[in-house]
Full PDB file with SEQRES, HELIX, SHEET, SSBOND, CRYST1, ORIGX, SCALE, CONECT and MASTER records, all heavy atoms in Angstrom:
SEQRES   1 A   35  ASP GLU LYS THR VAL TRP TYR LEU ALA ARG SER ALA TYR          
SEQRES   2 A   35  ARG GLN GLY GLN ILE SER LYS ALA ARG GLN LEU ILE ASP          
SEQRES   3 A   35  ASP PHE THR LEU PRO ILE THR GLN PRO                          
HELIX    1 AA1 GLU A    2  ARG A   14  1                                  13    
HELIX    2 AA2 ILE A   18  ASP A   26  1                                   9    
CRYST1    1.000    1.000    1.000  90.00  90.00  90.00 P 1           1          
ORIGX1      1.000000  0.000000  0.000000        0.00000                         
ORIGX2      0.000000  1.000000  0.000000        0.00000                         
ORIGX3      0.000000  0.000000  1.000000        0.00000                         
SCALE1      1.000000  0.000000  0.000000        0.00000                         
SCALE2      0.000000  1.000000  0.000000        0.00000                         
SCALE3      0.000000  0.000000  1.000000        0.00000                         
ATOM      1  N   ASP A   1       8.378  -5.672   2.742  1.00  0.00           N  
ATOM      2  CA  ASP A   1       7.385  -6.670   3.162  1.00  0.00           C  
ATOM      3  C   ASP A   1       6.034  -5.961   3.298  1.00  0.00           C  
ATOM      4  O   ASP A   1       5.881  -4.803   2.909  1.00  0.00           O  
ATOM      5  CB  ASP A   1       7.809  -7.341   4.478  1.00  0.00           C  
ATOM      6  CG  ASP A   1       7.751  -6.400   5.679  1.00  0.00           C  
ATOM      7  OD1 ASP A   1       7.608  -5.163   5.501  1.00  0.00           O  
ATOM      8  OD2 ASP A   1       7.857  -6.902   6.832  1.00  0.00           O  
ATOM      9  N   GLU A   2       5.058  -6.664   3.829  1.00  0.00           N  
ATOM     10  CA  GLU A   2       3.707  -6.093   3.945  1.00  0.00           C  
ATOM     11  C   GLU A   2       3.680  -4.825   4.789  1.00  0.00           C  
ATOM     12  O   GLU A   2       2.943  -3.883   4.488  1.00  0.00           O  
ATOM     13  CB  GLU A   2       2.761  -7.133   4.560  1.00  0.00           C  
ATOM     14  CG  GLU A   2       2.328  -8.214   3.612  1.00  0.00           C  
ATOM     15  CD  GLU A   2       1.238  -9.085   4.222  1.00  0.00           C  
ATOM     16  OE1 GLU A   2       0.101  -8.616   4.326  1.00  0.00           O  
ATOM     17  OE2 GLU A   2       1.585 -10.222   4.641  1.00  0.00           O  
ATOM     18  N   LYS A   3       4.494  -4.827   5.846  1.00  0.00           N  
ATOM     19  CA  LYS A   3       4.498  -3.661   6.721  1.00  0.00           C  
ATOM     20  C   LYS A   3       4.991  -2.431   5.982  1.00  0.00           C  
ATOM     21  O   LYS A   3       4.449  -1.327   6.164  1.00  0.00           O  
ATOM     22  CB  LYS A   3       5.387  -3.931   7.957  1.00  0.00           C  
ATOM     23  CG  LYS A   3       5.340  -2.833   8.994  1.00  0.00           C  
ATOM     24  CD  LYS A   3       6.169  -3.182  10.224  1.00  0.00           C  
ATOM     25  CE  LYS A   3       5.472  -4.221  11.066  1.00  0.00           C  
ATOM     26  NZ  LYS A   3       6.182  -4.466  12.342  1.00  0.00           N  
ATOM     27  N   THR A   4       6.024  -2.593   5.147  1.00  0.00           N  
ATOM     28  CA  THR A   4       6.541  -1.463   4.370  1.00  0.00           C  
ATOM     29  C   THR A   4       5.444  -0.924   3.452  1.00  0.00           C  
ATOM     30  O   THR A   4       5.221   0.311   3.389  1.00  0.00           O  
ATOM     31  CB  THR A   4       7.733  -1.927   3.518  1.00  0.00           C  
ATOM     32  OG1 THR A   4       8.571  -2.815   4.236  1.00  0.00           O  
ATOM     33  CG2 THR A   4       8.557  -0.731   3.049  1.00  0.00           C  
ATOM     34  N   VAL A   5       4.785  -1.835   2.747  1.00  0.00           N  
ATOM     35  CA  VAL A   5       3.719  -1.409   1.812  1.00  0.00           C  
ATOM     36  C   VAL A   5       2.592  -0.747   2.585  1.00  0.00           C  
ATOM     37  O   VAL A   5       2.011   0.267   2.136  1.00  0.00           O  
ATOM     38  CB  VAL A   5       3.195  -2.615   1.021  1.00  0.00           C  
ATOM     39  CG1 VAL A   5       2.060  -2.206   0.096  1.00  0.00           C  
ATOM     40  CG2 VAL A   5       4.336  -3.244   0.202  1.00  0.00           C  
ATOM     41  N   TRP A   6       2.271  -1.284   3.741  1.00  0.00           N  
ATOM     42  CA  TRP A   6       1.200  -0.728   4.581  1.00  0.00           C  
ATOM     43  C   TRP A   6       1.513   0.722   4.969  1.00  0.00           C  
ATOM     44  O   TRP A   6       0.675   1.615   4.826  1.00  0.00           O  
ATOM     45  CB  TRP A   6       1.005  -1.608   5.803  1.00  0.00           C  
ATOM     46  CG  TRP A   6       0.328  -0.970   6.982  1.00  0.00           C  
ATOM     47  CD1 TRP A   6       0.857  -0.769   8.211  1.00  0.00           C  
ATOM     48  CD2 TRP A   6      -1.030  -0.501   7.078  1.00  0.00           C  
ATOM     49  NE1 TRP A   6      -0.051  -0.193   9.070  1.00  0.00           N  
ATOM     50  CE2 TRP A   6      -1.226  -0.022   8.385  1.00  0.00           C  
ATOM     51  CE3 TRP A   6      -2.086  -0.444   6.175  1.00  0.00           C  
ATOM     52  CZ2 TRP A   6      -2.416   0.511   8.808  1.00  0.00           C  
ATOM     53  CZ3 TRP A   6      -3.289   0.108   6.594  1.00  0.00           C  
ATOM     54  CH2 TRP A   6      -3.457   0.564   7.905  1.00  0.00           C  
ATOM     55  N   TYR A   7       2.747   0.977   5.423  1.00  0.00           N  
ATOM     56  CA  TYR A   7       3.144   2.324   5.826  1.00  0.00           C  
ATOM     57  C   TYR A   7       3.050   3.291   4.621  1.00  0.00           C  
ATOM     58  O   TYR A   7       2.506   4.391   4.731  1.00  0.00           O  
ATOM     59  CB  TYR A   7       4.584   2.330   6.350  1.00  0.00           C  
ATOM     60  CG  TYR A   7       4.750   1.738   7.729  1.00  0.00           C  
ATOM     61  CD1 TYR A   7       5.958   1.111   8.066  1.00  0.00           C  
ATOM     62  CD2 TYR A   7       3.776   1.819   8.689  1.00  0.00           C  
ATOM     63  CE1 TYR A   7       6.161   0.555   9.318  1.00  0.00           C  
ATOM     64  CE2 TYR A   7       3.963   1.270   9.956  1.00  0.00           C  
ATOM     65  CZ  TYR A   7       5.158   0.632  10.260  1.00  0.00           C  
ATOM     66  OH  TYR A   7       5.343   0.089  11.520  1.00  0.00           O  
ATOM     67  N   LEU A   8       3.573   2.862   3.469  1.00  0.00           N  
ATOM     68  CA  LEU A   8       3.580   3.747   2.286  1.00  0.00           C  
ATOM     69  C   LEU A   8       2.181   3.968   1.753  1.00  0.00           C  
ATOM     70  O   LEU A   8       1.796   5.106   1.472  1.00  0.00           O  
ATOM     71  CB  LEU A   8       4.457   3.104   1.201  1.00  0.00           C  
ATOM     72  CG  LEU A   8       5.983   3.055   1.473  1.00  0.00           C  
ATOM     73  CD1 LEU A   8       6.664   2.181   0.433  1.00  0.00           C  
ATOM     74  CD2 LEU A   8       6.575   4.456   1.484  1.00  0.00           C  
ATOM     75  N   ALA A   9       1.418   2.882   1.585  1.00  0.00           N  
ATOM     76  CA  ALA A   9       0.072   3.014   1.015  1.00  0.00           C  
ATOM     77  C   ALA A   9      -0.862   3.812   1.928  1.00  0.00           C  
ATOM     78  O   ALA A   9      -1.660   4.648   1.449  1.00  0.00           O  
ATOM     79  CB  ALA A   9      -0.509   1.633   0.731  1.00  0.00           C  
ATOM     80  N   ARG A  10      -0.770   3.550   3.234  1.00  0.00           N  
ATOM     81  CA  ARG A  10      -1.646   4.309   4.156  1.00  0.00           C  
ATOM     82  C   ARG A  10      -1.289   5.779   4.136  1.00  0.00           C  
ATOM     83  O   ARG A  10      -2.178   6.646   4.173  1.00  0.00           O  
ATOM     84  CB  ARG A  10      -1.486   3.754   5.591  1.00  0.00           C  
ATOM     85  CG  ARG A  10      -2.439   4.425   6.569  1.00  0.00           C  
ATOM     86  CD  ARG A  10      -2.378   3.817   7.945  1.00  0.00           C  
ATOM     87  NE  ARG A  10      -1.077   3.965   8.575  1.00  0.00           N  
ATOM     88  CZ  ARG A  10      -0.864   3.794   9.883  1.00  0.00           C  
ATOM     89  NH1 ARG A  10      -1.850   3.418  10.668  1.00  0.00           N  
ATOM     90  NH2 ARG A  10       0.344   3.951  10.390  1.00  0.00           N  
ATOM     91  N   SER A  11       0.012   6.094   4.078  1.00  0.00           N  
ATOM     92  CA  SER A  11       0.423   7.493   4.020  1.00  0.00           C  
ATOM     93  C   SER A  11      -0.089   8.149   2.742  1.00  0.00           C  
ATOM     94  O   SER A  11      -0.609   9.276   2.767  1.00  0.00           O  
ATOM     95  CB  SER A  11       1.956   7.573   4.089  1.00  0.00           C  
ATOM     96  OG  SER A  11       2.390   8.895   3.976  1.00  0.00           O  
ATOM     97  N   ALA A  12       0.001   7.445   1.602  1.00  0.00           N  
ATOM     98  CA  ALA A  12      -0.488   8.013   0.326  1.00  0.00           C  
ATOM     99  C   ALA A  12      -1.992   8.222   0.378  1.00  0.00           C  
ATOM    100  O   ALA A  12      -2.508   9.256  -0.051  1.00  0.00           O  
ATOM    101  CB  ALA A  12      -0.120   7.052  -0.826  1.00  0.00           C  
ATOM    102  N   TYR A  13      -2.712   7.241   0.940  1.00  0.00           N  
ATOM    103  CA  TYR A  13      -4.181   7.340   1.048  1.00  0.00           C  
ATOM    104  C   TYR A  13      -4.589   8.541   1.889  1.00  0.00           C  
ATOM    105  O   TYR A  13      -5.508   9.289   1.516  1.00  0.00           O  
ATOM    106  CB  TYR A  13      -4.716   6.035   1.639  1.00  0.00           C  
ATOM    107  CG  TYR A  13      -6.200   6.055   1.889  1.00  0.00           C  
ATOM    108  CD1 TYR A  13      -7.117   6.033   0.834  1.00  0.00           C  
ATOM    109  CD2 TYR A  13      -6.695   6.086   3.205  1.00  0.00           C  
ATOM    110  CE1 TYR A  13      -8.489   6.036   1.091  1.00  0.00           C  
ATOM    111  CE2 TYR A  13      -8.053   6.093   3.461  1.00  0.00           C  
ATOM    112  CZ  TYR A  13      -8.947   6.076   2.386  1.00  0.00           C  
ATOM    113  OH  TYR A  13     -10.297   6.088   2.633  1.00  0.00           O  
ATOM    114  N   ARG A  14      -3.913   8.709   3.031  1.00  0.00           N  
ATOM    115  CA  ARG A  14      -4.260   9.832   3.928  1.00  0.00           C  
ATOM    116  C   ARG A  14      -3.947  11.188   3.304  1.00  0.00           C  
ATOM    117  O   ARG A  14      -4.527  12.204   3.687  1.00  0.00           O  
ATOM    118  CB  ARG A  14      -3.529   9.678   5.252  1.00  0.00           C  
ATOM    119  CG  ARG A  14      -4.093   8.552   6.110  1.00  0.00           C  
ATOM    120  CD  ARG A  14      -3.390   8.456   7.446  1.00  0.00           C  
ATOM    121  NE  ARG A  14      -4.046   7.521   8.319  1.00  0.00           N  
ATOM    122  CZ  ARG A  14      -3.631   7.228   9.566  1.00  0.00           C  
ATOM    123  NH1 ARG A  14      -2.542   7.810  10.035  1.00  0.00           N  
ATOM    124  NH2 ARG A  14      -4.298   6.385  10.314  1.00  0.00           N  
ATOM    125  N   GLN A  15      -3.021  11.199   2.354  1.00  0.00           N  
ATOM    126  CA  GLN A  15      -2.684  12.448   1.674  1.00  0.00           C  
ATOM    127  C   GLN A  15      -3.519  12.646   0.415  1.00  0.00           C  
ATOM    128  O   GLN A  15      -3.283  13.563  -0.348  1.00  0.00           O  
ATOM    129  CB  GLN A  15      -1.193  12.463   1.349  1.00  0.00           C  
ATOM    130  CG  GLN A  15      -0.307  12.529   2.565  1.00  0.00           C  
ATOM    131  CD  GLN A  15       1.185  12.469   2.228  1.00  0.00           C  
ATOM    132  OE1 GLN A  15       1.614  13.013   1.206  1.00  0.00           O  
ATOM    133  NE2 GLN A  15       1.964  11.845   3.080  1.00  0.00           N  
ATOM    134  N   GLY A  16      -4.472  11.731   0.190  1.00  0.00           N  
ATOM    135  CA  GLY A  16      -5.365  11.873  -0.941  1.00  0.00           C  
ATOM    136  C   GLY A  16      -4.805  11.362  -2.250  1.00  0.00           C  
ATOM    137  O   GLY A  16      -5.412  11.543  -3.302  1.00  0.00           O  
ATOM    138  N   GLN A  17      -3.672  10.635  -2.182  1.00  0.00           N  
ATOM    139  CA  GLN A  17      -3.070  10.097  -3.402  1.00  0.00           C  
ATOM    140  C   GLN A  17      -3.592   8.669  -3.605  1.00  0.00           C  
ATOM    141  O   GLN A  17      -2.865   7.696  -3.384  1.00  0.00           O  
ATOM    142  CB  GLN A  17      -1.538  10.134  -3.290  1.00  0.00           C  
ATOM    143  CG  GLN A  17      -0.983  11.533  -3.076  1.00  0.00           C  
ATOM    144  CD  GLN A  17       0.531  11.547  -3.045  1.00  0.00           C  
ATOM    145  OE1 GLN A  17       1.205  10.979  -3.921  1.00  0.00           O  
ATOM    146  NE2 GLN A  17       1.090  12.209  -2.037  1.00  0.00           N  
ATOM    147  N   ILE A  18      -4.837   8.571  -4.037  1.00  0.00           N  
ATOM    148  CA  ILE A  18      -5.505   7.281  -4.126  1.00  0.00           C  
ATOM    149  C   ILE A  18      -4.849   6.367  -5.151  1.00  0.00           C  
ATOM    150  O   ILE A  18      -4.605   5.180  -4.891  1.00  0.00           O  
ATOM    151  CB  ILE A  18      -6.991   7.483  -4.492  1.00  0.00           C  
ATOM    152  CG1 ILE A  18      -7.671   8.478  -3.519  1.00  0.00           C  
ATOM    153  CG2 ILE A  18      -7.723   6.134  -4.481  1.00  0.00           C  
ATOM    154  CD1 ILE A  18      -7.600   8.068  -2.075  1.00  0.00           C  
ATOM    155  N   SER A  19      -4.534   6.892  -6.306  1.00  0.00           N  
ATOM    156  CA  SER A  19      -3.957   6.055  -7.374  1.00  0.00           C  
ATOM    157  C   SER A  19      -2.577   5.539  -6.939  1.00  0.00           C  
ATOM    158  O   SER A  19      -2.198   4.404  -7.255  1.00  0.00           O  
ATOM    159  CB  SER A  19      -3.862   6.837  -8.678  1.00  0.00           C  
ATOM    160  OG  SER A  19      -3.055   7.990  -8.511  1.00  0.00           O  
ATOM    161  N   LYS A  20      -1.797   6.387  -6.225  1.00  0.00           N  
ATOM    162  CA  LYS A  20      -0.483   5.954  -5.769  1.00  0.00           C  
ATOM    163  C   LYS A  20      -0.630   4.843  -4.732  1.00  0.00           C  
ATOM    164  O   LYS A  20       0.116   3.841  -4.770  1.00  0.00           O  
ATOM    165  CB  LYS A  20       0.314   7.121  -5.177  1.00  0.00           C  
ATOM    166  CG  LYS A  20       1.663   6.722  -4.596  1.00  0.00           C  
ATOM    167  CD  LYS A  20       2.422   7.895  -4.078  1.00  0.00           C  
ATOM    168  CE  LYS A  20       3.394   8.455  -5.047  1.00  0.00           C  
ATOM    169  NZ  LYS A  20       4.363   7.560  -5.611  1.00  0.00           N  
ATOM    170  N   ALA A  21      -1.578   4.986  -3.803  1.00  0.00           N  
ATOM    171  CA  ALA A  21      -1.792   3.967  -2.788  1.00  0.00           C  
ATOM    172  C   ALA A  21      -2.176   2.655  -3.442  1.00  0.00           C  
ATOM    173  O   ALA A  21      -1.680   1.574  -3.058  1.00  0.00           O  
ATOM    174  CB  ALA A  21      -2.892   4.414  -1.818  1.00  0.00           C  
ATOM    175  N   ARG A  22      -3.059   2.726  -4.467  1.00  0.00           N  
ATOM    176  CA  ARG A  22      -3.488   1.508  -5.166  1.00  0.00           C  
ATOM    177  C   ARG A  22      -2.322   0.884  -5.913  1.00  0.00           C  
ATOM    178  O   ARG A  22      -2.151  -0.335  -5.908  1.00  0.00           O  
ATOM    179  CB  ARG A  22      -4.630   1.854  -6.138  1.00  0.00           C  
ATOM    180  CG  ARG A  22      -5.253   0.626  -6.793  1.00  0.00           C  
ATOM    181  CD  ARG A  22      -6.321   1.012  -7.799  1.00  0.00           C  
ATOM    182  NE  ARG A  22      -7.415   1.730  -7.175  1.00  0.00           N  
ATOM    183  CZ  ARG A  22      -7.687   3.022  -7.366  1.00  0.00           C  
ATOM    184  NH1 ARG A  22      -6.905   3.765  -8.154  1.00  0.00           N  
ATOM    185  NH2 ARG A  22      -8.711   3.596  -6.772  1.00  0.00           N  
ATOM    186  N   GLN A  23      -1.494   1.719  -6.518  1.00  0.00           N  
ATOM    187  CA  GLN A  23      -0.347   1.210  -7.281  1.00  0.00           C  
ATOM    188  C   GLN A  23       0.666   0.514  -6.383  1.00  0.00           C  
ATOM    189  O   GLN A  23       1.214  -0.549  -6.730  1.00  0.00           O  
ATOM    190  CB  GLN A  23       0.326   2.378  -8.027  1.00  0.00           C  
ATOM    191  CG  GLN A  23       1.429   1.923  -8.999  1.00  0.00           C  
ATOM    192  CD  GLN A  23       0.866   1.109 -10.153  1.00  0.00           C  
ATOM    193  OE1 GLN A  23      -0.140   1.492 -10.738  1.00  0.00           O  
ATOM    194  NE2 GLN A  23       1.504   0.000 -10.462  1.00  0.00           N  
ATOM    195  N   LEU A  24       0.890   1.076  -5.186  1.00  0.00           N  
ATOM    196  CA  LEU A  24       1.820   0.471  -4.240  1.00  0.00           C  
ATOM    197  C   LEU A  24       1.372  -0.931  -3.836  1.00  0.00           C  
ATOM    198  O   LEU A  24       2.179  -1.859  -3.741  1.00  0.00           O  
ATOM    199  CB  LEU A  24       1.936   1.359  -2.991  1.00  0.00           C  
ATOM    200  CG  LEU A  24       2.781   2.633  -3.131  1.00  0.00           C  
ATOM    201  CD1 LEU A  24       2.481   3.607  -1.992  1.00  0.00           C  
ATOM    202  CD2 LEU A  24       4.275   2.297  -3.145  1.00  0.00           C  
ATOM    203  N   ILE A  25       0.064  -1.089  -3.647  1.00  0.00           N  
ATOM    204  CA  ILE A  25      -0.461  -2.410  -3.252  1.00  0.00           C  
ATOM    205  C   ILE A  25      -0.444  -3.375  -4.431  1.00  0.00           C  
ATOM    206  O   ILE A  25      -0.055  -4.537  -4.297  1.00  0.00           O  
ATOM    207  CB  ILE A  25      -1.886  -2.268  -2.681  1.00  0.00           C  
ATOM    208  CG1 ILE A  25      -1.861  -1.448  -1.373  1.00  0.00           C  
ATOM    209  CG2 ILE A  25      -2.506  -3.652  -2.428  1.00  0.00           C  
ATOM    210  CD1 ILE A  25      -3.220  -1.144  -0.798  1.00  0.00           C  
ATOM    211  N   ASP A  26      -0.786  -2.873  -5.599  1.00  0.00           N  
ATOM    212  CA  ASP A  26      -0.816  -3.740  -6.798  1.00  0.00           C  
ATOM    213  C   ASP A  26       0.588  -4.242  -7.157  1.00  0.00           C  
ATOM    214  O   ASP A  26       0.741  -5.350  -7.669  1.00  0.00           O  
ATOM    215  CB  ASP A  26      -1.424  -3.004  -7.979  1.00  0.00           C  
ATOM    216  CG  ASP A  26      -2.936  -2.767  -7.812  1.00  0.00           C  
ATOM    217  OD1 ASP A  26      -3.523  -3.452  -6.957  1.00  0.00           O  
ATOM    218  OD2 ASP A  26      -3.481  -1.900  -8.512  1.00  0.00           O  
ATOM    219  N   ASP A  27       1.603  -3.416  -6.907  1.00  0.00           N  
ATOM    220  CA  ASP A  27       2.986  -3.793  -7.254  1.00  0.00           C  
ATOM    221  C   ASP A  27       3.553  -4.829  -6.276  1.00  0.00           C  
ATOM    222  O   ASP A  27       4.583  -5.445  -6.594  1.00  0.00           O  
ATOM    223  CB  ASP A  27       3.893  -2.560  -7.251  1.00  0.00           C  
ATOM    224  CG  ASP A  27       3.612  -1.642  -8.444  1.00  0.00           C  
ATOM    225  OD1 ASP A  27       2.924  -2.080  -9.377  1.00  0.00           O  
ATOM    226  OD2 ASP A  27       4.058  -0.482  -8.407  1.00  0.00           O  
ATOM    227  N   PHE A  28       2.899  -5.011  -5.146  1.00  0.00           N  
ATOM    228  CA  PHE A  28       3.392  -5.987  -4.154  1.00  0.00           C  
ATOM    229  C   PHE A  28       2.879  -7.366  -4.571  1.00  0.00           C  
ATOM    230  O   PHE A  28       1.687  -7.646  -4.581  1.00  0.00           O  
ATOM    231  CB  PHE A  28       2.863  -5.612  -2.767  1.00  0.00           C  
ATOM    232  CG  PHE A  28       3.454  -6.468  -1.663  1.00  0.00           C  
ATOM    233  CD1 PHE A  28       4.780  -6.423  -1.360  1.00  0.00           C  
ATOM    234  CD2 PHE A  28       2.636  -7.319  -0.923  1.00  0.00           C  
ATOM    235  CE1 PHE A  28       5.322  -7.194  -0.337  1.00  0.00           C  
ATOM    236  CE2 PHE A  28       3.139  -8.104   0.099  1.00  0.00           C  
ATOM    237  CZ  PHE A  28       4.504  -8.043   0.390  1.00  0.00           C  
ATOM    238  N   THR A  29       3.801  -8.241  -4.945  1.00  0.00           N  
ATOM    239  CA  THR A  29       3.417  -9.524  -5.587  1.00  0.00           C  
ATOM    240  C   THR A  29       3.164 -10.648  -4.584  1.00  0.00           C  
ATOM    241  O   THR A  29       2.552 -11.663  -4.948  1.00  0.00           O  
ATOM    242  CB  THR A  29       4.542  -9.978  -6.531  1.00  0.00           C  
ATOM    243  OG1 THR A  29       5.791 -10.055  -5.809  1.00  0.00           O  
ATOM    244  CG2 THR A  29       4.718  -8.980  -7.674  1.00  0.00           C  
ATOM    245  N   LEU A  30       3.581 -10.475  -3.337  1.00  0.00           N  
ATOM    246  CA  LEU A  30       3.399 -11.565  -2.352  1.00  0.00           C  
ATOM    247  C   LEU A  30       1.958 -11.559  -1.824  1.00  0.00           C  
ATOM    248  O   LEU A  30       1.289 -10.512  -1.854  1.00  0.00           O  
ATOM    249  CB  LEU A  30       4.390 -11.417  -1.207  1.00  0.00           C  
ATOM    250  CG  LEU A  30       5.881 -11.555  -1.577  1.00  0.00           C  
ATOM    251  CD1 LEU A  30       6.747 -11.281  -0.346  1.00  0.00           C  
ATOM    252  CD2 LEU A  30       6.175 -12.919  -2.147  1.00  0.00           C  
ATOM    253  N   PRO A  31       1.465 -12.688  -1.293  1.00  0.00           N  
ATOM    254  CA  PRO A  31       0.111 -12.728  -0.720  1.00  0.00           C  
ATOM    255  C   PRO A  31      -0.019 -11.753   0.442  1.00  0.00           C  
ATOM    256  O   PRO A  31       0.902 -11.620   1.254  1.00  0.00           O  
ATOM    257  CB  PRO A  31      -0.025 -14.167  -0.257  1.00  0.00           C  
ATOM    258  CG  PRO A  31       0.987 -14.933  -1.024  1.00  0.00           C  
ATOM    259  CD  PRO A  31       2.114 -14.012  -1.280  1.00  0.00           C  
ATOM    260  N   ILE A  32      -1.148 -11.093   0.526  1.00  0.00           N  
ATOM    261  CA  ILE A  32      -1.383 -10.132   1.610  1.00  0.00           C  
ATOM    262  C   ILE A  32      -2.112 -10.846   2.738  1.00  0.00           C  
ATOM    263  O   ILE A  32      -3.197 -11.418   2.546  1.00  0.00           O  
ATOM    264  CB  ILE A  32      -2.221  -8.938   1.095  1.00  0.00           C  
ATOM    265  CG1 ILE A  32      -1.395  -8.156   0.061  1.00  0.00           C  
ATOM    266  CG2 ILE A  32      -2.622  -8.030   2.255  1.00  0.00           C  
ATOM    267  CD1 ILE A  32      -2.149  -7.009  -0.569  1.00  0.00           C  
ATOM    268  N   THR A  33      -1.522 -10.802   3.920  1.00  0.00           N  
ATOM    269  CA  THR A  33      -2.111 -11.476   5.087  1.00  0.00           C  
ATOM    270  C   THR A  33      -2.396 -10.488   6.217  1.00  0.00           C  
ATOM    271  O   THR A  33      -3.200 -10.776   7.096  1.00  0.00           O  
ATOM    272  CB  THR A  33      -1.148 -12.570   5.617  1.00  0.00           C  
ATOM    273  OG1 THR A  33       0.103 -11.971   5.978  1.00  0.00           O  
ATOM    274  CG2 THR A  33      -0.916 -13.630   4.564  1.00  0.00           C  
ATOM    275  N   GLN A  34      -1.759  -9.341   6.231  1.00  0.00           N  
ATOM    276  CA  GLN A  34      -1.927  -8.359   7.310  1.00  0.00           C  
ATOM    277  C   GLN A  34      -3.303  -7.724   7.241  1.00  0.00           C  
ATOM    278  O   GLN A  34      -3.700  -7.198   6.189  1.00  0.00           O  
ATOM    279  CB  GLN A  34      -0.828  -7.285   7.201  1.00  0.00           C  
ATOM    280  CG  GLN A  34      -0.767  -6.358   8.414  1.00  0.00           C  
ATOM    281  CD  GLN A  34       0.245  -5.256   8.191  1.00  0.00           C  
ATOM    282  OE1 GLN A  34      -0.031  -4.315   7.448  1.00  0.00           O  
ATOM    283  NE2 GLN A  34       1.409  -5.389   8.788  1.00  0.00           N  
ATOM    284  N   PRO A  35      -4.059  -7.750   8.343  1.00  0.00           N  
ATOM    285  CA  PRO A  35      -5.429  -7.199   8.328  1.00  0.00           C  
ATOM    286  C   PRO A  35      -5.486  -5.761   7.865  1.00  0.00           C  
ATOM    287  O   PRO A  35      -6.384  -5.397   7.086  1.00  0.00           O  
ATOM    288  CB  PRO A  35      -5.892  -7.352   9.781  1.00  0.00           C  
ATOM    289  CG  PRO A  35      -5.023  -8.422  10.355  1.00  0.00           C  
ATOM    290  CD  PRO A  35      -3.707  -8.314   9.670  1.00  0.00           C  
TER     291      PRO A  35                                                      
MASTER        0    0    0    2    0    0    0    6  290    1    0    3          
END                                                                             
C-alpha cells in the first residue's frame, strides 16, 4: 500500500538512490493520497 511505498522510497531517497525512489513511486499504480 502507500505506506509500504513511502517507507521504501523515503529510505532510497535518503541513501541517495534517486532513480530507485522514483521507480518505486512510478510502479505504484493506485492513486496517491498520503501527504
